[in-house]
Amino acid sequence: MTKLELMLAGFGGQGILFAGKLVAYAGLIEDKHVSWLPSYGPEMRGGTCNCSVCVSDEQIGSPQMLTPNALIAMNQPSLEKFIGHVQPGGIVLVDSSIIPTKVDRTDLKVFYVPATEIAEKNGLKGMANILLTGKLLKETGFASVENAKAAVSKVVPPKKANLIDSNLKALQLGLDY
């Protein structure tokens, strides 16, 4: 994929912005052009949250995107809000542990990943976002696996360095799904 235009969406506290930073940083390590634009409601935890990330081989005209070619939806309201905007032929990743409905569009490649359930079963509570990012990496190749793993070490803050291995494990679970 020469240009990933990704919308990540869910509730605040699900790690939407963090996952977006991971994708963006992996693009930076790949020496690609990158934009990262967060958007969240008044509450940081529990409010709505989305993040637009573009990773491209060419210059990016604007960080704002109206029609992403990839969507990671981590809750029902986010799926409902953004599914109609995804470009035909786009990729959609749905956390099927949380979202019970199926996408009715037939012009999209949709993956139903029980990310929250898989993360919790593997002792990685709260890391469904990274698991879905791993699945996105597998399906789009927006960066090399090596550079995505290197990005984890860069985006996890130093005071939470003990979580690097858990994030790497979650990323690998997504790659393996």
C-alpha atoms as a PDB file:
ATOM      1  CA  MET A   1       0.000   0.000   0.000  1.00  0.00           C
ATOM      2  CA  THR A   2       1.608   3.266  -1.088  1.00  0.00           C
ATOM      3  CA  LYS A   3      -0.732   5.405   1.001  1.00  0.00           C
ATOM      4  CA  LEU A   4      -2.471   4.357   4.195  1.00  0.00           C
ATOM      5  CA  GLU A   5      -5.278   6.715   5.194  1.00  0.00           C
ATOM      6  CA  LEU A   6      -6.387   5.280   8.514  1.00  0.00           C
ATOM      7  CA  MET A   7      -9.195   6.260  10.847  1.00  0.00           C
ATOM      8  CA  LEU A   8      -9.001   4.722  14.319  1.00  0.00           C
ATOM      9  CA  ALA A   9     -12.088   5.229  16.453  1.00  0.00           C
ATOM     10  CA  GLY A  10     -13.537   4.191  19.793  1.00  0.00           C
ATOM     11  CA  PHE A  11     -14.014   5.423  23.344  1.00  0.00           C
ATOM     12  CA  GLY A  12     -11.400   7.442  25.208  1.00  0.00           C
ATOM     13  CA  GLY A  13      -9.285   5.083  27.275  1.00  0.00           C
ATOM     14  CA  GLN A  14      -9.140   2.374  24.589  1.00  0.00           C
ATOM     15  CA  GLY A  15      -5.751   3.594  23.382  1.00  0.00           C
ATOM     16  CA  ILE A  16      -6.944   5.029  20.076  1.00  0.00           C
ATOM     17  CA  LEU A  17      -4.443   7.897  20.067  1.00  0.00           C
ATOM     18  CA  PHE A  18      -1.621   5.621  21.233  1.00  0.00           C
ATOM     19  CA  ALA A  19      -2.284   3.140  18.411  1.00  0.00           C
ATOM     20  CA  GLY A  20      -2.344   6.041  15.958  1.00  0.00           C
ATOM     21  CA  LYS A  21       1.022   7.227  17.251  1.00  0.00           C
ATOM     22  CA  LEU A  22       2.396   3.716  16.807  1.00  0.00           C
ATOM     23  CA  VAL A  23       1.299   3.606  13.155  1.00  0.00           C
ATOM     24  CA  ALA A  24       2.661   7.117  12.552  1.00  0.00           C
ATOM     25  CA  TYR A  25       5.995   6.396  14.216  1.00  0.00           C
ATOM     26  CA  ALA A  26       6.413   3.172  12.228  1.00  0.00           C
ATOM     27  CA  GLY A  27       5.914   5.290   9.109  1.00  0.00           C
ATOM     28  CA  LEU A  28       8.539   7.764  10.297  1.00  0.00           C
ATOM     29  CA  ILE A  29      11.036   4.961  10.854  1.00  0.00           C
ATOM     30  CA  GLU A  30      10.270   3.818   7.290  1.00  0.00           C
ATOM     31  CA  ASP A  31      11.185   7.369   6.171  1.00  0.00           C
ATOM     32  CA  LYS A  32       7.683   7.955   4.827  1.00  0.00           C
ATOM     33  CA  HIS A  33       5.560  11.078   4.976  1.00  0.00           C
ATOM     34  CA  VAL A  34       3.262  10.984   8.003  1.00  0.00           C
ATOM     35  CA  SER A  35       0.391  12.922   9.536  1.00  0.00           C
ATOM     36  CA  TRP A  36      -1.360  12.195  12.842  1.00  0.00           C
ATOM     37  CA  LEU A  37      -4.477  14.116  13.833  1.00  0.00           C
ATOM     38  CA  PRO A  38      -6.244  13.259  17.115  1.00  0.00           C
ATOM     39  CA  SER A  39      -9.810  14.200  17.971  1.00  0.00           C
ATOM     40  CA  TYR A  40     -11.587  13.508  21.241  1.00  0.00           C
ATOM     41  CA  GLY A  41     -14.565  14.682  23.246  1.00  0.00           C
ATOM     42  CA  PRO A  42     -14.443  16.642  26.488  1.00  0.00           C
ATOM     43  CA  GLU A  43     -13.793  13.547  28.592  1.00  0.00           C
ATOM     44  CA  MET A  44     -10.483  11.805  28.010  1.00  0.00           C
ATOM     45  CA  ARG A  45     -11.776   8.515  29.382  1.00  0.00           C
ATOM     46  CA  GLY A  46     -15.129   7.267  28.173  1.00  0.00           C
ATOM     47  CA  GLY A  47     -15.813  10.038  25.658  1.00  0.00           C
ATOM     48  CA  THR A  48     -15.619   9.501  21.935  1.00  0.00           C
ATOM     49  CA  CYS A  49     -12.194   9.523  20.402  1.00  0.00           C
ATOM     50  CA  ASN A  50     -10.783   9.139  16.918  1.00  0.00           C
ATOM     51  CA  CYS A  51      -7.490   9.608  15.221  1.00  0.00           C
ATOM     52  CA  SER A  52      -6.582  10.090  11.578  1.00  0.00           C
ATOM     53  CA  VAL A  53      -3.211   8.789  10.442  1.00  0.00           C
ATOM     54  CA  CYS A  54      -1.749   9.018   6.980  1.00  0.00           C
ATOM     55  CA  VAL A  55       1.428   7.163   6.003  1.00  0.00           C
ATOM     56  CA  SER A  56       2.483   7.837   2.436  1.00  0.00           C
ATOM     57  CA  ASP A  57       5.356   7.506   0.000  1.00  0.00           C
ATOM     58  CA  GLU A  58       4.399  10.978  -1.302  1.00  0.00           C
ATOM     59  CA  GLN A  59       3.832  14.317   0.407  1.00  0.00           C
ATOM     60  CA  ILE A  60       0.547  14.657   2.301  1.00  0.00           C
ATOM     61  CA  GLY A  61      -1.564  17.656   1.369  1.00  0.00           C
ATOM     62  CA  SER A  62      -3.693  17.759   4.515  1.00  0.00           C
ATOM     63  CA  PRO A  63      -3.894  15.729   7.733  1.00  0.00           C
ATOM     64  CA  GLN A  64      -7.695  15.867   7.550  1.00  0.00           C
ATOM     65  CA  MET A  65      -9.215  12.937   5.717  1.00  0.00           C
ATOM     66  CA  LEU A  66     -12.804  12.545   4.668  1.00  0.00           C
ATOM     67  CA  THR A  67     -12.566   9.119   3.039  1.00  0.00           C
ATOM     68  CA  PRO A  68     -10.072   6.784   4.737  1.00  0.00           C
ATOM     69  CA  ASN A  69      -8.964   3.585   3.018  1.00  0.00           C
ATOM     70  CA  ALA A  70      -8.703   1.799   6.376  1.00  0.00           C
ATOM     71  CA  LEU A  71     -10.779   1.879   9.560  1.00  0.00           C
ATOM     72  CA  ILE A  72     -10.197   0.377  12.983  1.00  0.00           C
ATOM     73  CA  ALA A  73     -13.475   0.499  14.913  1.00  0.00           C
ATOM     74  CA  MET A  74     -13.365  -0.329  18.614  1.00  0.00           C
ATOM     75  CA  ASN A  75     -16.994   0.402  19.495  1.00  0.00           C
ATOM     76  CA  GLN A  76     -20.431   0.389  17.861  1.00  0.00           C
ATOM     77  CA  PRO A  77     -20.933   4.190  17.673  1.00  0.00           C
ATOM     78  CA  SER A  78     -17.573   4.569  15.920  1.00  0.00           C
ATOM     79  CA  LEU A  79     -18.354   1.854  13.402  1.00  0.00           C
ATOM     80  CA  GLU A  80     -21.707   3.466  12.639  1.00  0.00           C
ATOM     81  CA  LYS A  81     -20.168   6.933  12.326  1.00  0.00           C
ATOM     82  CA  PHE A  82     -17.263   6.082  10.004  1.00  0.00           C
ATOM     83  CA  ILE A  83     -18.194   2.974   7.990  1.00  0.00           C
ATOM     84  CA  GLY A  84     -19.977   5.006   5.329  1.00  0.00           C
ATOM     85  CA  HIS A  85     -16.885   7.110   4.695  1.00  0.00           C
ATOM     86  CA  VAL A  86     -14.432   4.278   3.980  1.00  0.00           C
ATOM     87  CA  GLN A  87     -13.313   4.163   0.348  1.00  0.00           C
ATOM     88  CA  PRO A  88     -14.632   1.248  -1.727  1.00  0.00           C
ATOM     89  CA  GLY A  89     -12.022  -1.513  -1.578  1.00  0.00           C
ATOM     90  CA  GLY A  90     -10.901  -0.299   1.848  1.00  0.00           C
ATOM     91  CA  ILE A  91     -10.015  -2.407   4.867  1.00  0.00           C
ATOM     92  CA  VAL A  92     -12.090  -2.411   8.053  1.00  0.00           C
ATOM     93  CA  LEU A  93     -11.021  -4.000  11.339  1.00  0.00           C
ATOM     94  CA  VAL A  94     -13.811  -4.500  13.856  1.00  0.00           C
ATOM     95  CA  ASP A  95     -13.284  -5.461  17.500  1.00  0.00           C
ATOM     96  CA  SER A  96     -15.932  -8.178  17.439  1.00  0.00           C
ATOM     97  CA  SER A  97     -15.616  -8.669  21.205  1.00  0.00           C
ATOM     98  CA  ILE A  98     -17.362  -5.317  21.628  1.00  0.00           C
ATOM     99  CA  ILE A  99     -19.223  -4.762  18.345  1.00  0.00           C
ATOM    100  CA  PRO A 100     -21.964  -7.338  17.762  1.00  0.00           C
ATOM    101  CA  THR A 101     -23.111  -6.171  14.309  1.00  0.00           C
ATOM    102  CA  LYS A 102     -21.759  -7.051  10.884  1.00  0.00           C
ATOM    103  CA  VAL A 103     -20.869  -4.547   8.186  1.00  0.00           C
ATOM    104  CA  ASP A 104     -23.389  -4.620   5.352  1.00  0.00           C
ATOM    105  CA  ARG A 105     -21.133  -3.045   2.736  1.00  0.00           C
ATOM    106  CA  THR A 106     -19.887  -5.609   0.231  1.00  0.00           C
ATOM    107  CA  ASP A 107     -17.244  -3.338  -1.305  1.00  0.00           C
ATOM    108  CA  LEU A 108     -14.933  -3.527   1.729  1.00  0.00           C
ATOM    109  CA  LYS A 109     -12.532  -6.114   3.101  1.00  0.00           C
ATOM    110  CA  VAL A 110     -13.785  -6.547   6.676  1.00  0.00           C
ATOM    111  CA  PHE A 111     -11.998  -8.434   9.440  1.00  0.00           C
ATOM    112  CA  TYR A 112     -13.853  -9.301  12.636  1.00  0.00           C
ATOM    113  CA  VAL A 113     -11.192  -9.688  15.295  1.00  0.00           C
ATOM    114  CA  PRO A 114     -12.215 -10.470  18.904  1.00  0.00           C
ATOM    115  CA  ALA A 115      -9.315  -8.264  19.987  1.00  0.00           C
ATOM    116  CA  THR A 116     -10.479  -7.441  23.516  1.00  0.00           C
ATOM    117  CA  GLU A 117     -11.167 -11.109  24.243  1.00  0.00           C
ATOM    118  CA  ILE A 118      -7.824 -12.282  22.798  1.00  0.00           C
ATOM    119  CA  ALA A 119      -5.910  -9.594  24.692  1.00  0.00           C
ATOM    120  CA  GLU A 120      -7.564 -10.474  28.003  1.00  0.00           C
ATOM    121  CA  LYS A 121      -7.023 -14.231  27.513  1.00  0.00           C
ATOM    122  CA  ASN A 122      -3.327 -13.521  27.020  1.00  0.00           C
ATOM    123  CA  GLY A 123      -2.944 -11.305  30.087  1.00  0.00           C
ATOM    124  CA  LEU A 124      -2.894  -8.142  27.985  1.00  0.00           C
ATOM    125  CA  LYS A 125      -5.969  -6.340  29.263  1.00  0.00           C
ATOM    126  CA  GLY A 126      -6.327  -2.952  27.591  1.00  0.00           C
ATOM    127  CA  MET A 127      -4.147  -3.831  24.596  1.00  0.00           C
ATOM    128  CA  ALA A 128      -6.814  -4.681  22.023  1.00  0.00           C
ATOM    129  CA  ASN A 129      -5.754  -1.501  20.223  1.00  0.00           C
ATOM    130  CA  ILE A 130      -2.242  -2.837  19.626  1.00  0.00           C
ATOM    131  CA  LEU A 131      -3.555  -6.244  18.630  1.00  0.00           C
ATOM    132  CA  LEU A 132      -5.731  -4.586  15.965  1.00  0.00           C
ATOM    133  CA  THR A 133      -2.740  -2.514  14.858  1.00  0.00           C
ATOM    134  CA  GLY A 134      -0.813  -5.758  14.362  1.00  0.00           C
ATOM    135  CA  LYS A 135      -3.644  -7.131  12.217  1.00  0.00           C
ATOM    136  CA  LEU A 136      -3.652  -3.885  10.208  1.00  0.00           C
ATOM    137  CA  LEU A 137       0.096  -4.235   9.673  1.00  0.00           C
ATOM    138  CA  LYS A 138      -0.389  -7.795   8.430  1.00  0.00           C
ATOM    139  CA  GLU A 139      -3.137  -6.789   5.994  1.00  0.00           C
ATOM    140  CA  THR A 140      -1.689  -3.527   4.664  1.00  0.00           C
ATOM    141  CA  GLY A 141       2.078  -3.702   5.125  1.00  0.00           C
ATOM    142  CA  PHE A 142       2.133   0.009   6.063  1.00  0.00           C
ATOM    143  CA  ALA A 143       5.602  -0.667   7.545  1.00  0.00           C
ATOM    144  CA  SER A 144       7.918  -3.595   8.028  1.00  0.00           C
ATOM    145  CA  VAL A 145       7.301  -5.754  11.081  1.00  0.00           C
ATOM    146  CA  GLU A 146      10.768  -4.858  12.322  1.00  0.00           C
ATOM    147  CA  ASN A 147      10.069  -1.116  12.116  1.00  0.00           C
ATOM    148  CA  ALA A 148       6.635  -1.470  13.718  1.00  0.00           C
ATOM    149  CA  LYS A 149       8.259  -3.283  16.636  1.00  0.00           C
ATOM    150  CA  ALA A 150      10.911  -0.557  16.854  1.00  0.00           C
ATOM    151  CA  ALA A 151       8.115   2.028  16.928  1.00  0.00           C
ATOM    152  CA  VAL A 152       6.655   0.375  20.042  1.00  0.00           C
ATOM    153  CA  SER A 153       9.839   1.176  21.954  1.00  0.00           C
ATOM    154  CA  LYS A 154       9.659   4.767  20.764  1.00  0.00           C
ATOM    155  CA  VAL A 155       6.003   5.505  21.606  1.00  0.00           C
ATOM    156  CA  VAL A 156       5.803   3.798  25.012  1.00  0.00           C
ATOM    157  CA  PRO A 157       6.794   6.539  27.472  1.00  0.00           C
ATOM    158  CA  PRO A 158       9.925   5.897  29.596  1.00  0.00           C
ATOM    159  CA  LYS A 159       7.881   5.770  32.807  1.00  0.00           C
ATOM    160  CA  LYS A 160       5.910   2.843  31.305  1.00  0.00           C
ATOM    161  CA  ALA A 161       8.873   1.030  29.757  1.00  0.00           C
ATOM    162  CA  ASN A 162       7.779  -2.113  31.609  1.00  0.00           C
ATOM    163  CA  LEU A 163       4.873  -2.306  29.107  1.00  0.00           C
ATOM    164  CA  ILE A 164       7.055  -2.557  25.986  1.00  0.00           C
ATOM    165  CA  ASP A 165       7.150  -6.371  26.029  1.00  0.00           C
ATOM    166  CA  SER A 166       3.374  -6.577  26.534  1.00  0.00           C
ATOM    167  CA  ASN A 167       2.795  -4.218  23.603  1.00  0.00           C
ATOM    168  CA  LEU A 168       5.141  -6.290  21.436  1.00  0.00           C
ATOM    169  CA  LYS A 169       3.248  -9.437  22.405  1.00  0.00           C
ATOM    170  CA  ALA A 170      -0.088  -7.788  21.530  1.00  0.00           C
ATOM    171  CA  LEU A 171       1.310  -6.609  18.185  1.00  0.00           C
ATOM    172  CA  GLN A 172       2.481 -10.155  17.418  1.00  0.00           C
ATOM    173  CA  LEU A 173      -0.919 -11.632  18.351  1.00  0.00           C
ATOM    174  CA  GLY A 174      -2.489  -9.296  15.784  1.00  0.00           C
ATOM    175  CA  LEU A 175       0.093 -10.264  13.166  1.00  0.00           C
ATOM    176  CA  ASP A 176      -0.636 -13.944  13.830  1.00  0.00           C
ATOM    177  CA  TYR A 177      -4.438 -13.629  13.765  1.00  0.00           C
END
